[in-house]
Amino acid sequence: MPARELQEQLNKLREQLEQNPPLTEVERDDLHTLMQQIELELELETKTQDSSLSDNVNLAVERFEIDHPTLAGTLRNIVQALGNMGI
């Protein structure tokens, strides 16, 4: 169930990005890279304690928290879903 929740949050983040929020090209690229990392993790369905992925998502939350609270909220949900999966 957590993997499905994570996929739903990724889809929500993708939809939010498609609405073209005012992000720099670097911010947009960073989010796409992060999403690719999460999708790879989902595909592999690894249950290892890879804290670097969670750390990267948490850093993205901090980065977007003030200027893009909706994106940050979705990223927080992704962190929680990763934690539920043991990642």
PDB file of N, CA and C in Angstrom:
ATOM      1  N   MET A   1       0.808  -1.205   0.000  1.00  0.00           N
ATOM      2  CA  MET A   1       0.000   0.000   0.000  1.00  0.00           C
ATOM      3  C   MET A   1       0.852   1.271   0.000  1.00  0.00           C
ATOM      4  N   PRO A   2       1.968   1.323   0.756  1.00  0.00           N
ATOM      5  CA  PRO A   2       2.786   2.544   0.741  1.00  0.00           C
ATOM      6  C   PRO A   2       3.336   2.882  -0.645  1.00  0.00           C
ATOM      7  N   ALA A   3       3.672   1.863  -1.445  1.00  0.00           N
ATOM      8  CA  ALA A   3       4.194   2.137  -2.787  1.00  0.00           C
ATOM      9  C   ALA A   3       3.137   2.828  -3.631  1.00  0.00           C
ATOM     10  N   ARG A   4       1.900   2.412  -3.495  1.00  0.00           N
ATOM     11  CA  ARG A   4       0.814   3.041  -4.247  1.00  0.00           C
ATOM     12  C   ARG A   4       0.627   4.492  -3.809  1.00  0.00           C
ATOM     13  N   GLU A   5       0.713   4.712  -2.506  1.00  0.00           N
ATOM     14  CA  GLU A   5       0.588   6.080  -1.976  1.00  0.00           C
ATOM     15  C   GLU A   5       1.708   6.963  -2.508  1.00  0.00           C
ATOM     16  N   LEU A   6       2.910   6.422  -2.549  1.00  0.00           N
ATOM     17  CA  LEU A   6       4.048   7.171  -3.063  1.00  0.00           C
ATOM     18  C   LEU A   6       3.846   7.502  -4.534  1.00  0.00           C
ATOM     19  N   GLN A   7       3.375   6.533  -5.312  1.00  0.00           N
ATOM     20  CA  GLN A   7       3.124   6.777  -6.734  1.00  0.00           C
ATOM     21  C   GLN A   7       2.064   7.849  -6.924  1.00  0.00           C
ATOM     22  N   GLU A   8       1.034   7.830  -6.084  1.00  0.00           N
ATOM     23  CA  GLU A   8      -0.008   8.860  -6.162  1.00  0.00           C
ATOM     24  C   GLU A   8       0.568  10.245  -5.887  1.00  0.00           C
ATOM     25  N   GLN A   9       1.456  10.334  -4.901  1.00  0.00           N
ATOM     26  CA  GLN A   9       2.068  11.624  -4.579  1.00  0.00           C
ATOM     27  C   GLN A   9       2.986  12.092  -5.698  1.00  0.00           C
ATOM     28  N   LEU A  10       3.697  11.160  -6.320  1.00  0.00           N
ATOM     29  CA  LEU A  10       4.534  11.520  -7.474  1.00  0.00           C
ATOM     30  C   LEU A  10       3.670  12.039  -8.619  1.00  0.00           C
ATOM     31  N   ASN A  11       2.551  11.397  -8.841  1.00  0.00           N
ATOM     32  CA  ASN A  11       1.637  11.851  -9.895  1.00  0.00           C
ATOM     33  C   ASN A  11       1.111  13.250  -9.581  1.00  0.00           C
ATOM     34  N   LYS A  12       0.807  13.481  -8.308  1.00  0.00           N
ATOM     35  CA  LYS A  12       0.323  14.805  -7.891  1.00  0.00           C
ATOM     36  C   LYS A  12       1.404  15.868  -8.112  1.00  0.00           C
ATOM     37  N   LEU A  13       2.643  15.529  -7.759  1.00  0.00           N
ATOM     38  CA  LEU A  13       3.749  16.463  -7.967  1.00  0.00           C
ATOM     39  C   LEU A  13       3.938  16.740  -9.452  1.00  0.00           C
ATOM     40  N   ARG A  14       3.852  15.700 -10.266  1.00  0.00           N
ATOM     41  CA  ARG A  14       3.987  15.855 -11.722  1.00  0.00           C
ATOM     42  C   ARG A  14       2.899  16.791 -12.268  1.00  0.00           C
ATOM     43  N   GLU A  15       1.661  16.615 -11.783  1.00  0.00           N
ATOM     44  CA  GLU A  15       0.560  17.488 -12.208  1.00  0.00           C
ATOM     45  C   GLU A  15       0.812  18.936 -11.800  1.00  0.00           C
ATOM     46  N   GLN A  16       1.335  19.127 -10.597  1.00  0.00           N
ATOM     47  CA  GLN A  16       1.622  20.480 -10.130  1.00  0.00           C
ATOM     48  C   GLN A  16       2.693  21.130 -11.000  1.00  0.00           C
ATOM     49  N   LEU A  17       3.690  20.370 -11.390  1.00  0.00           N
ATOM     50  CA  LEU A  17       4.748  20.909 -12.243  1.00  0.00           C
ATOM     51  C   LEU A  17       4.236  21.219 -13.642  1.00  0.00           C
ATOM     52  N   GLU A  18       3.269  20.453 -14.108  1.00  0.00           N
ATOM     53  CA  GLU A  18       2.690  20.705 -15.430  1.00  0.00           C
ATOM     54  C   GLU A  18       1.909  22.013 -15.471  1.00  0.00           C
ATOM     55  N   GLN A  19       1.513  22.510 -14.311  1.00  0.00           N
ATOM     56  CA  GLN A  19       0.808  23.786 -14.235  1.00  0.00           C
ATOM     57  C   GLN A  19       1.771  24.965 -14.293  1.00  0.00           C
ATOM     58  N   ASN A  20       3.040  24.664 -14.499  1.00  0.00           N
ATOM     59  CA  ASN A  20       4.095  25.661 -14.660  1.00  0.00           C
ATOM     60  C   ASN A  20       4.153  26.689 -13.537  1.00  0.00           C
ATOM     61  N   PRO A  21       4.398  26.224 -12.289  1.00  0.00           N
ATOM     62  CA  PRO A  21       4.592  27.203 -11.219  1.00  0.00           C
ATOM     63  C   PRO A  21       5.858  27.998 -11.507  1.00  0.00           C
ATOM     64  N   PRO A  22       5.978  29.180 -10.910  1.00  0.00           N
ATOM     65  CA  PRO A  22       7.141  30.030 -11.187  1.00  0.00           C
ATOM     66  C   PRO A  22       8.424  29.466 -10.576  1.00  0.00           C
ATOM     67  N   LEU A  23       9.020  28.510 -11.265  1.00  0.00           N
ATOM     68  CA  LEU A  23      10.273  27.908 -10.826  1.00  0.00           C
ATOM     69  C   LEU A  23      11.371  28.265 -11.811  1.00  0.00           C
ATOM     70  N   THR A  24      12.583  28.333 -11.306  1.00  0.00           N
ATOM     71  CA  THR A  24      13.716  28.513 -12.210  1.00  0.00           C
ATOM     72  C   THR A  24      13.946  27.196 -12.941  1.00  0.00           C
ATOM     73  N   GLU A  25      14.696  27.255 -14.001  1.00  0.00           N
ATOM     74  CA  GLU A  25      15.003  26.037 -14.759  1.00  0.00           C
ATOM     75  C   GLU A  25      15.785  25.051 -13.896  1.00  0.00           C
ATOM     76  N   VAL A  26      16.676  25.563 -13.049  1.00  0.00           N
ATOM     77  CA  VAL A  26      17.463  24.707 -12.157  1.00  0.00           C
ATOM     78  C   VAL A  26      16.540  24.012 -11.150  1.00  0.00           C
ATOM     79  N   GLU A  27      15.607  24.754 -10.562  1.00  0.00           N
ATOM     80  CA  GLU A  27      14.668  24.164  -9.606  1.00  0.00           C
ATOM     81  C   GLU A  27      13.833  23.076 -10.279  1.00  0.00           C
ATOM     82  N   ARG A  28      13.358  23.362 -11.456  1.00  0.00           N
ATOM     83  CA  ARG A  28      12.538  22.404 -12.204  1.00  0.00           C
ATOM     84  C   ARG A  28      13.361  21.145 -12.527  1.00  0.00           C
ATOM     85  N   ASP A  29      14.589  21.327 -12.979  1.00  0.00           N
ATOM     86  CA  ASP A  29      15.463  20.187 -13.287  1.00  0.00           C
ATOM     87  C   ASP A  29      15.752  19.364 -12.036  1.00  0.00           C
ATOM     88  N   ASP A  30      15.999  20.051 -10.918  1.00  0.00           N
ATOM     89  CA  ASP A  30      16.273  19.344  -9.665  1.00  0.00           C
ATOM     90  C   ASP A  30      15.076  18.488  -9.236  1.00  0.00           C
ATOM     91  N   LEU A  31      13.877  19.039  -9.376  1.00  0.00           N
ATOM     92  CA  LEU A  31      12.681  18.272  -9.020  1.00  0.00           C
ATOM     93  C   LEU A  31      12.495  17.073  -9.944  1.00  0.00           C
ATOM     94  N   HIS A  32      12.749  17.254 -11.233  1.00  0.00           N
ATOM     95  CA  HIS A  32      12.623  16.139 -12.172  1.00  0.00           C
ATOM     96  C   HIS A  32      13.643  15.042 -11.853  1.00  0.00           C
ATOM     97  N   THR A  33      14.858  15.432 -11.502  1.00  0.00           N
ATOM     98  CA  THR A  33      15.889  14.464 -11.132  1.00  0.00           C
ATOM     99  C   THR A  33      15.471  13.697  -9.883  1.00  0.00           C
ATOM    100  N   LEU A  34      14.952  14.411  -8.909  1.00  0.00           N
ATOM    101  CA  LEU A  34      14.496  13.789  -7.672  1.00  0.00           C
ATOM    102  C   LEU A  34      13.353  12.815  -7.950  1.00  0.00           C
ATOM    103  N   MET A  35      12.437  13.212  -8.801  1.00  0.00           N
ATOM    104  CA  MET A  35      11.321  12.339  -9.158  1.00  0.00           C
ATOM    105  C   MET A  35      11.823  11.069  -9.852  1.00  0.00           C
ATOM    106  N   GLN A  36      12.817  11.199 -10.689  1.00  0.00           N
ATOM    107  CA  GLN A  36      13.376  10.026 -11.366  1.00  0.00           C
ATOM    108  C   GLN A  36      14.011   9.080 -10.358  1.00  0.00           C
ATOM    109  N   GLN A  37      14.707   9.629  -9.360  1.00  0.00           N
ATOM    110  CA  GLN A  37      15.314   8.796  -8.327  1.00  0.00           C
ATOM    111  C   GLN A  37      14.245   8.027  -7.558  1.00  0.00           C
ATOM    112  N   ILE A  38      13.165   8.705  -7.231  1.00  0.00           N
ATOM    113  CA  ILE A  38      12.079   8.063  -6.487  1.00  0.00           C
ATOM    114  C   ILE A  38      11.428   6.972  -7.344  1.00  0.00           C
ATOM    115  N   GLU A  39      11.209   7.277  -8.618  1.00  0.00           N
ATOM    116  CA  GLU A  39      10.598   6.286  -9.509  1.00  0.00           C
ATOM    117  C   GLU A  39      11.491   5.057  -9.659  1.00  0.00           C
ATOM    118  N   LEU A  40      12.798   5.252  -9.737  1.00  0.00           N
ATOM    119  CA  LEU A  40      13.717   4.113  -9.805  1.00  0.00           C
ATOM    120  C   LEU A  40      13.621   3.272  -8.541  1.00  0.00           C
ATOM    121  N   GLU A  41      13.538   3.935  -7.421  1.00  0.00           N
ATOM    122  CA  GLU A  41      13.414   3.228  -6.144  1.00  0.00           C
ATOM    123  C   GLU A  41      12.124   2.413  -6.112  1.00  0.00           C
ATOM    124  N   LEU A  42      11.054   2.985  -6.621  1.00  0.00           N
ATOM    125  CA  LEU A  42       9.788   2.256  -6.684  1.00  0.00           C
ATOM    126  C   LEU A  42       9.898   1.035  -7.592  1.00  0.00           C
ATOM    127  N   GLU A  43      10.528   1.205  -8.734  1.00  0.00           N
ATOM    128  CA  GLU A  43      10.668   0.101  -9.675  1.00  0.00           C
ATOM    129  C   GLU A  43      11.459  -1.040  -9.064  1.00  0.00           C
ATOM    130  N   LEU A  44      12.503  -0.722  -8.351  1.00  0.00           N
ATOM    131  CA  LEU A  44      13.343  -1.759  -7.744  1.00  0.00           C
ATOM    132  C   LEU A  44      12.704  -2.368  -6.502  1.00  0.00           C
ATOM    133  N   GLU A  45      11.769  -1.607  -5.917  1.00  0.00           N
ATOM    134  CA  GLU A  45      11.074  -2.018  -4.697  1.00  0.00           C
ATOM    135  C   GLU A  45      12.044  -2.476  -3.624  1.00  0.00           C
ATOM    136  N   THR A  46      13.117  -1.726  -3.487  1.00  0.00           N
ATOM    137  CA  THR A  46      14.090  -2.075  -2.458  1.00  0.00           C
ATOM    138  C   THR A  46      13.589  -1.620  -1.106  1.00  0.00           C
ATOM    139  N   LYS A  47      13.898  -2.390  -0.122  1.00  0.00           N
ATOM    140  CA  LYS A  47      13.502  -2.079   1.244  1.00  0.00           C
ATOM    141  C   LYS A  47      14.719  -1.710   2.097  1.00  0.00           C
ATOM    142  N   THR A  48      15.798  -1.355   1.441  1.00  0.00           N
ATOM    143  CA  THR A  48      17.011  -1.005   2.169  1.00  0.00           C
ATOM    144  C   THR A  48      16.882   0.376   2.785  1.00  0.00           C
ATOM    145  N   GLN A  49      17.700   0.641   3.746  1.00  0.00           N
ATOM    146  CA  GLN A  49      17.704   1.937   4.414  1.00  0.00           C
ATOM    147  C   GLN A  49      18.582   2.913   3.642  1.00  0.00           C
ATOM    148  N   ASP A  50      18.076   3.415   2.546  1.00  0.00           N
ATOM    149  CA  ASP A  50      18.820   4.387   1.743  1.00  0.00           C
ATOM    150  C   ASP A  50      18.364   5.776   2.157  1.00  0.00           C
ATOM    151  N   SER A  51      19.040   6.328   3.153  1.00  0.00           N
ATOM    152  CA  SER A  51      18.628   7.623   3.696  1.00  0.00           C
ATOM    153  C   SER A  51      18.944   8.777   2.747  1.00  0.00           C
ATOM    154  N   SER A  52      19.814   8.563   1.754  1.00  0.00           N
ATOM    155  CA  SER A  52      20.171   9.668   0.874  1.00  0.00           C
ATOM    156  C   SER A  52      18.972  10.141   0.057  1.00  0.00           C
ATOM    157  N   LEU A  53      18.106   9.230  -0.359  1.00  0.00           N
ATOM    158  CA  LEU A  53      16.922   9.631  -1.115  1.00  0.00           C
ATOM    159  C   LEU A  53      15.997  10.456  -0.229  1.00  0.00           C
ATOM    160  N   SER A  54      15.723   9.980   0.967  1.00  0.00           N
ATOM    161  CA  SER A  54      14.885  10.734   1.898  1.00  0.00           C
ATOM    162  C   SER A  54      15.510  12.081   2.233  1.00  0.00           C
ATOM    163  N   ASP A  55      16.825  12.089   2.407  1.00  0.00           N
ATOM    164  CA  ASP A  55      17.517  13.345   2.684  1.00  0.00           C
ATOM    165  C   ASP A  55      17.350  14.327   1.535  1.00  0.00           C
ATOM    166  N   ASN A  56      17.470  13.826   0.304  1.00  0.00           N
ATOM    167  CA  ASN A  56      17.314  14.694  -0.861  1.00  0.00           C
ATOM    168  C   ASN A  56      15.905  15.274  -0.947  1.00  0.00           C
ATOM    169  N   VAL A  57      14.906  14.450  -0.642  1.00  0.00           N
ATOM    170  CA  VAL A  57      13.527  14.949  -0.672  1.00  0.00           C
ATOM    171  C   VAL A  57      13.329  15.975   0.439  1.00  0.00           C
ATOM    172  N   ASN A  58      13.877  15.697   1.630  1.00  0.00           N
ATOM    173  CA  ASN A  58      13.767  16.665   2.727  1.00  0.00           C
ATOM    174  C   ASN A  58      14.434  17.993   2.380  1.00  0.00           C
ATOM    175  N   LEU A  59      15.568  17.937   1.712  1.00  0.00           N
ATOM    176  CA  LEU A  59      16.225  19.173   1.272  1.00  0.00           C
ATOM    177  C   LEU A  59      15.346  19.932   0.284  1.00  0.00           C
ATOM    178  N   ALA A  60      14.674  19.202  -0.588  1.00  0.00           N
ATOM    179  CA  ALA A  60      13.767  19.849  -1.543  1.00  0.00           C
ATOM    180  C   ALA A  60      12.597  20.500  -0.805  1.00  0.00           C
ATOM    181  N   VAL A  61      12.100  19.848   0.242  1.00  0.00           N
ATOM    182  CA  VAL A  61      11.021  20.443   1.044  1.00  0.00           C
ATOM    183  C   VAL A  61      11.477  21.786   1.599  1.00  0.00           C
ATOM    184  N   GLU A  62      12.654  21.798   2.196  1.00  0.00           N
ATOM    185  CA  GLU A  62      13.176  23.040   2.766  1.00  0.00           C
ATOM    186  C   GLU A  62      13.360  24.104   1.696  1.00  0.00           C
ATOM    187  N   ARG A  63      13.818  23.687   0.537  1.00  0.00           N
ATOM    188  CA  ARG A  63      14.102  24.631  -0.543  1.00  0.00           C
ATOM    189  C   ARG A  63      12.835  25.305  -1.080  1.00  0.00           C
ATOM    190  N   PHE A  64      11.735  24.546  -1.161  1.00  0.00           N
ATOM    191  CA  PHE A  64      10.515  25.064  -1.777  1.00  0.00           C
ATOM    192  C   PHE A  64       9.462  25.499  -0.765  1.00  0.00           C
ATOM    193  N   GLU A  65       9.728  25.301   0.520  1.00  0.00           N
ATOM    194  CA  GLU A  65       8.743  25.540   1.560  1.00  0.00           C
ATOM    195  C   GLU A  65       8.150  26.954   1.544  1.00  0.00           C
ATOM    196  N   ILE A  66       8.969  27.956   1.392  1.00  0.00           N
ATOM    197  CA  ILE A  66       8.495  29.338   1.492  1.00  0.00           C
ATOM    198  C   ILE A  66       7.832  29.810   0.197  1.00  0.00           C
ATOM    199  N   ASP A  67       8.505  29.626  -0.926  1.00  0.00           N
ATOM    200  CA  ASP A  67       7.994  30.156  -2.184  1.00  0.00           C
ATOM    201  C   ASP A  67       6.970  29.259  -2.873  1.00  0.00           C
ATOM    202  N   HIS A  68       6.995  27.964  -2.575  1.00  0.00           N
ATOM    203  CA  HIS A  68       6.102  27.015  -3.249  1.00  0.00           C
ATOM    204  C   HIS A  68       5.552  26.018  -2.225  1.00  0.00           C
ATOM    205  N   PRO A  69       4.686  26.487  -1.318  1.00  0.00           N
ATOM    206  CA  PRO A  69       4.205  25.621  -0.238  1.00  0.00           C
ATOM    207  C   PRO A  69       3.426  24.403  -0.715  1.00  0.00           C
ATOM    208  N   THR A  70       2.744  24.501  -1.831  1.00  0.00           N
ATOM    209  CA  THR A  70       1.993  23.353  -2.339  1.00  0.00           C
ATOM    210  C   THR A  70       2.941  22.244  -2.770  1.00  0.00           C
ATOM    211  N   LEU A  71       4.005  22.614  -3.495  1.00  0.00           N
ATOM    212  CA  LEU A  71       5.006  21.625  -3.884  1.00  0.00           C
ATOM    213  C   LEU A  71       5.660  21.018  -2.644  1.00  0.00           C
ATOM    214  N   ALA A  72       5.977  21.859  -1.674  1.00  0.00           N
ATOM    215  CA  ALA A  72       6.616  21.381  -0.448  1.00  0.00           C
ATOM    216  C   ALA A  72       5.713  20.401   0.294  1.00  0.00           C
ATOM    217  N   GLY A  73       4.421  20.669   0.313  1.00  0.00           N
ATOM    218  CA  GLY A  73       3.479  19.766   0.965  1.00  0.00           C
ATOM    219  C   GLY A  73       3.453  18.403   0.293  1.00  0.00           C
ATOM    220  N   THR A  74       3.462  18.396  -1.011  1.00  0.00           N
ATOM    221  CA  THR A  74       3.482  17.134  -1.745  1.00  0.00           C
ATOM    222  C   THR A  74       4.795  16.397  -1.489  1.00  0.00           C
ATOM    223  N   LEU A  75       5.894  17.130  -1.462  1.00  0.00           N
ATOM    224  CA  LEU A  75       7.186  16.513  -1.176  1.00  0.00           C
ATOM    225  C   LEU A  75       7.212  15.928   0.235  1.00  0.00           C
ATOM    226  N   ARG A  76       6.567  16.598   1.201  1.00  0.00           N
ATOM    227  CA  ARG A  76       6.482  16.065   2.564  1.00  0.00           C
ATOM    228  C   ARG A  76       5.723  14.728   2.564  1.00  0.00           C
ATOM    229  N   ASN A  77       4.659  14.660   1.771  1.00  0.00           N
ATOM    230  CA  ASN A  77       3.905  13.409   1.659  1.00  0.00           C
ATOM    231  C   ASN A  77       4.771  12.305   1.063  1.00  0.00           C
ATOM    232  N   ILE A  78       5.637  12.676   0.130  1.00  0.00           N
ATOM    233  CA  ILE A  78       6.549  11.703  -0.468  1.00  0.00           C
ATOM    234  C   ILE A  78       7.533  11.197   0.584  1.00  0.00           C
ATOM    235  N   VAL A  79       8.058  12.092   1.419  1.00  0.00           N
ATOM    236  CA  VAL A  79       8.973  11.689   2.496  1.00  0.00           C
ATOM    237  C   VAL A  79       8.273  10.690   3.415  1.00  0.00           C
ATOM    238  N   GLN A  80       7.039  10.984   3.752  1.00  0.00           N
ATOM    239  CA  GLN A  80       6.294  10.093   4.642  1.00  0.00           C
ATOM    240  C   GLN A  80       6.070   8.732   3.981  1.00  0.00           C
ATOM    241  N   ALA A  81       5.722   8.733   2.696  1.00  0.00           N
ATOM    242  CA  ALA A  81       5.506   7.473   1.990  1.00  0.00           C
ATOM    243  C   ALA A  81       6.791   6.663   1.913  1.00  0.00           C
ATOM    244  N   LEU A  82       7.914   7.340   1.678  1.00  0.00           N
ATOM    245  CA  LEU A  82       9.211   6.652   1.658  1.00  0.00           C
ATOM    246  C   LEU A  82       9.485   6.023   3.027  1.00  0.00           C
ATOM    247  N   GLY A  83       9.210   6.765   4.065  1.00  0.00           N
ATOM    248  CA  GLY A  83       9.412   6.248   5.420  1.00  0.00           C
ATOM    249  C   GLY A  83       8.544   5.040   5.693  1.00  0.00           C
ATOM    250  N   ASN A  84       7.313   5.076   5.232  1.00  0.00           N
ATOM    251  CA  ASN A  84       6.399   3.937   5.409  1.00  0.00           C
ATOM    252  C   ASN A  84       6.894   2.704   4.671  1.00  0.00           C
ATOM    253  N   MET A  85       7.640   2.932   3.589  1.00  0.00           N
ATOM    254  CA  MET A  85       8.185   1.826   2.808  1.00  0.00           C
ATOM    255  C   MET A  85       9.515   1.338   3.382  1.00  0.00           C
ATOM    256  N   GLY A  86      10.034   2.055   4.358  1.00  0.00           N
ATOM    257  CA  GLY A  86      11.325   1.690   4.936  1.00  0.00           C
ATOM    258  C   GLY A  86      12.507   2.217   4.156  1.00  0.00           C
ATOM    259  N   ILE A  87      12.261   3.247   3.371  1.00  0.00           N
ATOM    260  CA  ILE A  87      13.329   3.828   2.539  1.00  0.00           C
ATOM    261  C   ILE A  87      13.769   5.132   3.159  1.00  0.00           C
TER     262      ILE A  87
END
